[in-house]
Protein backbone atom coordinates (compact mmCIF):
# COMPACT_ATOMS: atom_id res chain seq x y z
CA MET A 1 97.64 112.42 79.64
CA ASP A 2 99.74 112.86 82.77
CA VAL A 3 98.40 113.14 86.33
CA LYS A 4 98.74 116.95 86.43
CA GLY A 5 96.75 117.30 83.19
CA ARG A 6 93.91 115.12 84.52
CA ALA A 7 93.83 117.03 87.81
CA LYS A 8 93.57 120.35 85.98
CA ARG A 9 90.79 119.00 83.78
CA LYS A 10 88.89 117.68 86.81
CA PHE A 11 89.09 121.10 88.40
CA PHE A 12 88.46 123.38 85.42
CA THR A 13 85.62 121.47 83.71
CA PRO A 14 83.14 121.73 86.63
CA MET A 15 84.22 125.31 87.22
CA LEU A 16 83.59 126.17 83.57
CA VAL A 17 80.15 124.54 83.68
CA THR A 18 79.32 126.48 86.86
CA PHE A 19 80.26 129.79 85.25
CA ALA A 20 78.20 128.96 82.16
CA VAL A 21 75.13 128.17 84.28
CA LEU A 22 75.56 131.38 86.29
CA ALA A 23 75.88 133.43 83.10
CA VAL A 24 72.60 132.01 81.79
CA MET A 25 70.87 132.67 85.12
CA VAL A 26 72.05 136.29 85.20
CA ALA A 27 70.96 136.81 81.58
CA ASN A 28 67.48 135.51 82.39
CA VAL A 29 67.13 137.67 85.49
CA SER A 30 68.19 140.87 83.79
CA ALA A 31 66.30 140.22 80.57
CA GLY A 32 63.24 142.35 80.02
CA ASP A 33 61.76 144.83 77.65
CA ILE A 34 62.66 148.51 78.00
CA TYR A 35 60.19 151.29 77.22
CA TYR A 36 60.66 155.04 77.24
CA ILE A 37 57.45 156.89 78.09
CA ASP A 38 56.54 160.57 78.20
CA ASN A 39 52.86 160.57 79.16
CA CYS A 40 50.27 158.75 81.27
CA THR A 41 49.92 155.16 80.11
CA ILE A 42 49.21 151.54 81.00
CA LEU A 43 52.30 149.59 82.03
CA ASN A 44 51.25 146.11 80.93
CA VAL A 45 54.38 144.13 79.99
CA THR A 46 55.52 141.64 82.63
CA GLY A 47 59.15 142.13 83.62
CA ALA A 48 59.48 145.39 81.69
CA THR A 49 61.27 148.54 82.77
CA TYR A 50 59.64 151.84 81.89
CA TYR A 51 61.70 155.04 81.91
CA LEU A 52 59.89 158.36 82.20
CA THR A 53 61.66 160.81 79.88
CA THR A 54 59.98 164.08 80.87
CA ASP A 55 57.80 165.62 83.59
CA ILE A 56 54.05 165.00 83.38
CA ILE A 57 52.48 168.25 84.58
CA ASP A 58 48.77 169.02 85.09
CA SER A 59 47.63 165.63 83.79
CA SER A 60 43.86 165.30 83.60
CA ALA A 61 44.06 161.49 83.68
CA THR A 62 42.23 159.84 86.57
CA THR A 63 44.99 157.23 86.75
CA CYS A 64 48.26 158.33 85.24
CA MET A 65 50.37 155.18 85.52
CA ASN A 66 48.21 152.07 85.56
CA ILE A 67 50.45 149.07 86.31
CA THR A 68 48.64 145.89 85.23
CA ALA A 69 51.55 143.45 84.85
CA GLU A 70 53.85 141.74 87.34
CA ASN A 71 57.48 142.65 88.08
CA VAL A 72 57.27 146.07 86.42
CA THR A 73 59.83 148.78 87.15
CA LEU A 74 58.89 152.43 86.67
CA ASP A 75 61.98 154.63 86.78
CA CYS A 76 60.92 158.28 86.80
CA GLN A 77 64.57 159.36 86.53
CA GLY A 78 63.88 162.38 88.75
CA HIS A 79 60.88 163.53 86.71
CA THR A 80 57.58 164.60 88.30
CA ILE A 81 54.11 163.14 87.77
CA ASP A 82 51.61 165.84 88.68
CA GLY A 83 47.85 166.07 88.20
CA LYS A 84 45.54 169.03 87.99
CA ASP A 85 44.60 170.49 91.34
CA ALA A 86 40.94 170.05 92.30
CA PRO A 87 38.89 173.25 92.27
């Protein structure tokens, strides 16, 4: 192998390894379960993202969204969570 070929290999091999490691890190950060919900519920899966798919109107639940896990995302997507008004 000539000098140019060795120089290219010395440069590209570490760069390739770096990109591979970064790809694995990004995959691990963005990994997580996805749930679509349409009513009051317990959000109990660590790292999960929950998407509200409809408005929750006049809910009689004392606690509508009970988040019991870590690193949970609740995306209401512009929907409303509304309880019953007290008499």
